[in-house]
């Protein structure tokens, strides 16, 4: 992959790597920021959705007859 025309998406310096779906320079802070923006380890595989509300049904005290 040719990085000559690409810039770090975090700081704007010339990119040296493509990590975490982002062009980044060699600065560790930029690499860490790209990782955080991607969602951390396995972030691309983690579903970020709201869970449905759990409704608990109360049992009848009389039981079945």
PDB file of N, CA and C in Angstrom:
ATOM      1  N   UNK A   1       0.847  -1.168   0.000  1.00  0.00           N
ATOM      2  CA  UNK A   1       0.000   0.000   0.000  1.00  0.00           C
ATOM      3  C   UNK A   1       0.899   1.240   0.000  1.00  0.00           C
ATOM      4  N   UNK A   2       0.566   2.195  -0.822  1.00  0.00           N
ATOM      5  CA  UNK A   2       1.366   3.405  -0.963  1.00  0.00           C
ATOM      6  C   UNK A   2       0.860   4.481   0.001  1.00  0.00           C
ATOM      7  N   UNK A   3       1.718   4.883   0.952  1.00  0.00           N
ATOM      8  CA  UNK A   3       1.345   5.861   1.967  1.00  0.00           C
ATOM      9  C   UNK A   3       1.856   7.267   1.654  1.00  0.00           C
ATOM     10  N   UNK A   4       2.491   7.462   0.526  1.00  0.00           N
ATOM     11  CA  UNK A   4       3.127   8.755   0.216  1.00  0.00           C
ATOM     12  C   UNK A   4       2.167   9.939   0.322  1.00  0.00           C
ATOM     13  N   UNK A   5       0.949   9.774  -0.143  1.00  0.00           N
ATOM     14  CA  UNK A   5       0.001  10.894  -0.165  1.00  0.00           C
ATOM     15  C   UNK A   5      -0.969  10.884   1.012  1.00  0.00           C
ATOM     16  N   UNK A   6      -0.839   9.926   1.899  1.00  0.00           N
ATOM     17  CA  UNK A   6      -1.761   9.820   3.028  1.00  0.00           C
ATOM     18  C   UNK A   6      -1.205  10.516   4.261  1.00  0.00           C
ATOM     19  N   UNK A   7      -2.117  11.083   5.041  1.00  0.00           N
ATOM     20  CA  UNK A   7      -1.739  11.754   6.279  1.00  0.00           C
ATOM     21  C   UNK A   7      -2.404  11.048   7.450  1.00  0.00           C
ATOM     22  N   UNK A   8      -1.790  11.156   8.618  1.00  0.00           N
ATOM     23  CA  UNK A   8      -2.351  10.585   9.844  1.00  0.00           C
ATOM     24  C   UNK A   8      -3.718  11.219  10.085  1.00  0.00           C
ATOM     25  N   UNK A   9      -4.714  10.384  10.296  1.00  0.00           N
ATOM     26  CA  UNK A   9      -6.065  10.883  10.498  1.00  0.00           C
ATOM     27  C   UNK A   9      -6.248  11.524  11.873  1.00  0.00           C
ATOM     28  N   UNK A  10      -5.265  11.386  12.743  1.00  0.00           N
ATOM     29  CA  UNK A  10      -5.356  11.959  14.085  1.00  0.00           C
ATOM     30  C   UNK A  10      -4.641  13.307  14.150  1.00  0.00           C
ATOM     31  N   UNK A  11      -3.362  13.351  13.712  1.00  0.00           N
ATOM     32  CA  UNK A  11      -2.569  14.580  13.872  1.00  0.00           C
ATOM     33  C   UNK A  11      -2.209  15.267  12.555  1.00  0.00           C
ATOM     34  N   UNK A  12      -2.333  14.582  11.424  1.00  0.00           N
ATOM     35  CA  UNK A  12      -2.046  15.212  10.139  1.00  0.00           C
ATOM     36  C   UNK A  12      -0.625  15.009   9.633  1.00  0.00           C
ATOM     37  N   UNK A  13       0.234  14.361  10.413  1.00  0.00           N
ATOM     38  CA  UNK A  13       1.604  14.064   9.968  1.00  0.00           C
ATOM     39  C   UNK A  13       1.549  13.006   8.858  1.00  0.00           C
ATOM     40  N   UNK A  14       2.624  12.818   8.100  1.00  0.00           N
ATOM     41  CA  UNK A  14       2.622  11.770   7.080  1.00  0.00           C
ATOM     42  C   UNK A  14       2.354  10.391   7.697  1.00  0.00           C
ATOM     43  N   UNK A  15       1.459   9.634   7.071  1.00  0.00           N
ATOM     44  CA  UNK A  15       1.082   8.311   7.592  1.00  0.00           C
ATOM     45  C   UNK A  15       2.180   7.296   7.297  1.00  0.00           C
ATOM     46  N   UNK A  16       2.400   6.416   8.241  1.00  0.00           N
ATOM     47  CA  UNK A  16       3.378   5.338   8.093  1.00  0.00           C
ATOM     48  C   UNK A  16       2.717   3.968   8.196  1.00  0.00           C
ATOM     49  N   UNK A  17       1.502   3.921   8.757  1.00  0.00           N
ATOM     50  CA  UNK A  17       0.809   2.651   8.980  1.00  0.00           C
ATOM     51  C   UNK A  17      -0.679   2.810   8.673  1.00  0.00           C
ATOM     52  N   UNK A  18      -1.332   1.685   8.407  1.00  0.00           N
ATOM     53  CA  UNK A  18      -2.787   1.628   8.316  1.00  0.00           C
ATOM     54  C   UNK A  18      -3.234   0.635   9.373  1.00  0.00           C
ATOM     55  N   UNK A  19      -3.701   1.166  10.505  1.00  0.00           N
ATOM     56  CA  UNK A  19      -4.098   0.340  11.646  1.00  0.00           C
ATOM     57  C   UNK A  19      -5.486   0.743  12.120  1.00  0.00           C
ATOM     58  N   UNK A  20      -6.283  -0.226  12.529  1.00  0.00           N
ATOM     59  CA  UNK A  20      -7.604   0.038  13.087  1.00  0.00           C
ATOM     60  C   UNK A  20      -8.459   0.866  12.126  1.00  0.00           C
ATOM     61  N   UNK A  21      -8.365   0.526  10.834  1.00  0.00           N
ATOM     62  CA  UNK A  21      -9.136   1.183   9.765  1.00  0.00           C
ATOM     63  C   UNK A  21      -8.816   2.680   9.672  1.00  0.00           C
ATOM     64  N   UNK A  22      -7.581   3.061   9.966  1.00  0.00           N
ATOM     65  CA  UNK A  22      -7.186   4.465   9.900  1.00  0.00           C
ATOM     66  C   UNK A  22      -5.717   4.574   9.485  1.00  0.00           C
ATOM     67  N   UNK A  23      -5.415   5.619   8.720  1.00  0.00           N
ATOM     68  CA  UNK A  23      -4.019   5.929   8.425  1.00  0.00           C
ATOM     69  C   UNK A  23      -3.458   6.648   9.644  1.00  0.00           C
ATOM     70  N   UNK A  24      -2.337   6.169  10.159  1.00  0.00           N
ATOM     71  CA  UNK A  24      -1.730   6.769  11.341  1.00  0.00           C
ATOM     72  C   UNK A  24      -0.225   6.917  11.150  1.00  0.00           C
ATOM     73  N   UNK A  25       0.358   7.867  11.895  1.00  0.00           N
ATOM     74  CA  UNK A  25       1.804   8.047  11.885  1.00  0.00           C
ATOM     75  C   UNK A  25       2.420   7.064  12.872  1.00  0.00           C
ATOM     76  N   UNK A  26       3.672   7.263  13.230  1.00  0.00           N
ATOM     77  CA  UNK A  26       4.352   6.356  14.148  1.00  0.00           C
ATOM     78  C   UNK A  26       4.158   6.731  15.616  1.00  0.00           C
ATOM     79  N   UNK A  27       3.450   7.816  15.890  1.00  0.00           N
ATOM     80  CA  UNK A  27       3.225   8.288  17.255  1.00  0.00           C
ATOM     81  C   UNK A  27       2.285   7.319  17.984  1.00  0.00           C
ATOM     82  N   UNK A  28       2.718   6.832  19.146  1.00  0.00           N
ATOM     83  CA  UNK A  28       1.918   5.882  19.927  1.00  0.00           C
ATOM     84  C   UNK A  28       0.566   6.470  20.335  1.00  0.00           C
ATOM     85  N   UNK A  29       0.533   7.779  20.613  1.00  0.00           N
ATOM     86  CA  UNK A  29      -0.718   8.416  21.005  1.00  0.00           C
ATOM     87  C   UNK A  29      -1.739   8.360  19.872  1.00  0.00           C
ATOM     88  N   UNK A  30      -1.275   8.548  18.641  1.00  0.00           N
ATOM     89  CA  UNK A  30      -2.169   8.484  17.482  1.00  0.00           C
ATOM     90  C   UNK A  30      -2.672   7.053  17.268  1.00  0.00           C
ATOM     91  N   UNK A  31      -1.801   6.089  17.443  1.00  0.00           N
ATOM     92  CA  UNK A  31      -2.191   4.683  17.295  1.00  0.00           C
ATOM     93  C   UNK A  31      -3.219   4.321  18.366  1.00  0.00           C
ATOM     94  N   UNK A  32      -2.994   4.754  19.611  1.00  0.00           N
ATOM     95  CA  UNK A  32      -3.945   4.489  20.689  1.00  0.00           C
ATOM     96  C   UNK A  32      -5.293   5.154  20.425  1.00  0.00           C
ATOM     97  N   UNK A  33      -5.261   6.374  19.923  1.00  0.00           N
ATOM     98  CA  UNK A  33      -6.504   7.104  19.618  1.00  0.00           C
ATOM     99  C   UNK A  33      -7.274   6.388  18.507  1.00  0.00           C
ATOM    100  N   UNK A  34      -6.583   5.905  17.488  1.00  0.00           N
ATOM    101  CA  UNK A  34      -7.238   5.171  16.406  1.00  0.00           C
ATOM    102  C   UNK A  34      -7.872   3.890  16.950  1.00  0.00           C
ATOM    103  N   UNK A  35      -7.179   3.218  17.873  1.00  0.00           N
ATOM    104  CA  UNK A  35      -7.720   1.998  18.492  1.00  0.00           C
ATOM    105  C   UNK A  35      -8.990   2.326  19.270  1.00  0.00           C
ATOM    106  N   UNK A  36      -8.972   3.408  20.044  1.00  0.00           N
ATOM    107  CA  UNK A  36     -10.143   3.803  20.830  1.00  0.00           C
ATOM    108  C   UNK A  36     -11.324   4.146  19.934  1.00  0.00           C
ATOM    109  N   UNK A  37     -11.069   4.879  18.857  1.00  0.00           N
ATOM    110  CA  UNK A  37     -12.138   5.264  17.945  1.00  0.00           C
ATOM    111  C   UNK A  37     -12.752   4.051  17.265  1.00  0.00           C
ATOM    112  N   UNK A  38     -11.960   3.017  17.065  1.00  0.00           N
ATOM    113  CA  UNK A  38     -12.443   1.794  16.429  1.00  0.00           C
ATOM    114  C   UNK A  38     -13.229   0.925  17.412  1.00  0.00           C
ATOM    115  N   UNK A  39     -13.057   1.169  18.693  1.00  0.00           N
ATOM    116  CA  UNK A  39     -13.807   0.402  19.686  1.00  0.00           C
ATOM    117  C   UNK A  39     -12.956  -0.539  20.499  1.00  0.00           C
ATOM    118  N   UNK A  40     -11.647  -0.352  20.485  1.00  0.00           N
ATOM    119  CA  UNK A  40     -10.767  -1.208  21.276  1.00  0.00           C
ATOM    120  C   UNK A  40     -10.575  -2.570  20.642  1.00  0.00           C
ATOM    121  N   UNK A  41      -9.923  -3.472  21.340  1.00  0.00           N
ATOM    122  CA  UNK A  41      -9.702  -4.812  20.795  1.00  0.00           C
ATOM    123  C   UNK A  41     -11.026  -5.502  20.464  1.00  0.00           C
ATOM    124  N   UNK A  42     -11.156  -5.944  19.238  1.00  0.00           N
ATOM    125  CA  UNK A  42     -12.384  -6.598  18.807  1.00  0.00           C
ATOM    126  C   UNK A  42     -13.534  -5.640  18.592  1.00  0.00           C
ATOM    127  N   UNK A  43     -13.262  -4.339  18.566  1.00  0.00           N
ATOM    128  CA  UNK A  43     -14.312  -3.333  18.445  1.00  0.00           C
ATOM    129  C   UNK A  43     -15.140  -3.468  17.186  1.00  0.00           C
ATOM    130  N   UNK A  44     -14.523  -3.906  16.112  1.00  0.00           N
ATOM    131  CA  UNK A  44     -15.262  -4.060  14.863  1.00  0.00           C
ATOM    132  C   UNK A  44     -16.231  -5.230  14.927  1.00  0.00           C
ATOM    133  N   UNK A  45     -16.066  -6.112  15.918  1.00  0.00           N
ATOM    134  CA  UNK A  45     -16.937  -7.273  16.045  1.00  0.00           C
ATOM    135  C   UNK A  45     -17.975  -7.107  17.157  1.00  0.00           C
ATOM    136  N   UNK A  46     -17.803  -6.112  17.998  1.00  0.00           N
ATOM    137  CA  UNK A  46     -18.725  -5.900  19.115  1.00  0.00           C
ATOM    138  C   UNK A  46     -19.984  -5.204  18.614  1.00  0.00           C
ATOM    139  N   UNK A  47     -21.114  -5.754  18.966  1.00  0.00           N
ATOM    140  CA  UNK A  47     -22.380  -5.120  18.603  1.00  0.00           C
ATOM    141  C   UNK A  47     -22.674  -4.035  19.631  1.00  0.00           C
ATOM    142  N   UNK A  48     -22.925  -2.842  19.141  1.00  0.00           N
ATOM    143  CA  UNK A  48     -23.231  -1.735  20.040  1.00  0.00           C
ATOM    144  C   UNK A  48     -24.710  -1.430  19.882  1.00  0.00           C
ATOM    145  N   UNK A  49     -25.512  -2.172  20.609  1.00  0.00           N
ATOM    146  CA  UNK A  49     -26.951  -1.982  20.513  1.00  0.00           C
ATOM    147  C   UNK A  49     -27.554  -2.011  21.904  1.00  0.00           C
ATOM    148  N   UNK A  50     -28.719  -1.422  22.003  1.00  0.00           N
ATOM    149  CA  UNK A  50     -29.400  -1.362  23.286  1.00  0.00           C
ATOM    150  C   UNK A  50     -30.187  -2.657  23.463  1.00  0.00           C
ATOM    151  N   UNK A  51     -30.082  -3.234  24.645  1.00  0.00           N
ATOM    152  CA  UNK A  51     -30.803  -4.456  24.936  1.00  0.00           C
ATOM    153  C   UNK A  51     -32.254  -4.131  25.268  1.00  0.00           C
ATOM    154  N   UNK A  52     -33.162  -5.029  24.900  1.00  0.00           N
ATOM    155  CA  UNK A  52     -34.579  -4.778  25.221  1.00  0.00           C
ATOM    156  C   UNK A  52     -34.809  -4.834  26.731  1.00  0.00           C
ATOM    157  N   UNK A  53     -35.839  -4.148  27.165  1.00  0.00           N
ATOM    158  CA  UNK A  53     -36.172  -4.138  28.587  1.00  0.00           C
ATOM    159  C   UNK A  53     -36.718  -5.501  28.992  1.00  0.00           C
ATOM    160  N   UNK A  54     -36.295  -5.985  30.135  1.00  0.00           N
ATOM    161  CA  UNK A  54     -36.747  -7.285  30.635  1.00  0.00           C
ATOM    162  C   UNK A  54     -37.986  -7.067  31.495  1.00  0.00           C
ATOM    163  N   UNK A  55     -39.050  -7.779  31.160  1.00  0.00           N
ATOM    164  CA  UNK A  55     -40.293  -7.678  31.918  1.00  0.00           C
ATOM    165  C   UNK A  55     -40.471  -8.974  32.683  1.00  0.00           C
ATOM    166  N   UNK A  56     -40.577  -8.873  33.993  1.00  0.00           N
ATOM    167  CA  UNK A  56     -40.755 -10.061  34.826  1.00  0.00           C
ATOM    168  C   UNK A  56     -42.247 -10.249  35.117  1.00  0.00           C
ATOM    169  N   UNK A  57     -42.709 -11.439  34.902  1.00  0.00           N
ATOM    170  CA  UNK A  57     -44.101 -11.763  35.188  1.00  0.00           C
ATOM    171  C   UNK A  57     -44.187 -12.327  36.596  1.00  0.00           C
ATOM    172  N   UNK A  58     -45.111 -11.827  37.376  1.00  0.00           N
ATOM    173  CA  UNK A  58     -45.281 -12.309  38.733  1.00  0.00           C
ATOM    174  C   UNK A  58     -46.136 -13.562  38.707  1.00  0.00           C
ATOM    175  N   UNK A  59     -45.753 -14.547  39.510  1.00  0.00           N
ATOM    176  CA  UNK A  59     -46.503 -15.791  39.588  1.00  0.00           C
ATOM    177  C   UNK A  59     -47.728 -15.594  40.456  1.00  0.00           C
ATOM    178  N   UNK A  60     -48.792 -16.296  40.118  1.00  0.00           N
ATOM    179  CA  UNK A  60     -50.022 -16.262  40.901  1.00  0.00           C
ATOM    180  C   UNK A  60     -49.785 -16.972  42.230  1.00  0.00           C
ATOM    181  N   UNK A  61     -50.106 -16.323  43.365  1.00  0.00           N
ATOM    182  CA  UNK A  61     -49.885 -16.912  44.683  1.00  0.00           C
ATOM    183  C   UNK A  61     -50.739 -18.161  44.930  1.00  0.00           C
ATOM    184  N   UNK A  62     -51.874 -18.276  44.269  1.00  0.00           N
ATOM    185  CA  UNK A  62     -52.795 -19.383  44.489  1.00  0.00           C
ATOM    186  C   UNK A  62     -52.305 -20.673  43.828  1.00  0.00           C
ATOM    187  N   UNK A  63     -51.466 -20.547  42.842  1.00  0.00           N
ATOM    188  CA  UNK A  63     -50.987 -21.732  42.131  1.00  0.00           C
ATOM    189  C   UNK A  63     -52.049 -22.237  41.177  1.00  0.00           C
ATOM    190  N   UNK A  64     -51.813 -23.342  40.527  1.00  0.00           N
ATOM    191  CA  UNK A  64     -52.794 -23.900  39.585  1.00  0.00           C
ATOM    192  C   UNK A  64     -53.743 -24.840  40.309  1.00  0.00           C
ATOM    193  N   UNK A  65     -54.995 -24.843  39.894  1.00  0.00           N
ATOM    194  CA  UNK A  65     -56.010 -25.698  40.537  1.00  0.00           C
ATOM    195  C   UNK A  65     -56.528 -26.721  39.582  1.00  0.00           C
TER     196      UNK A  65
END
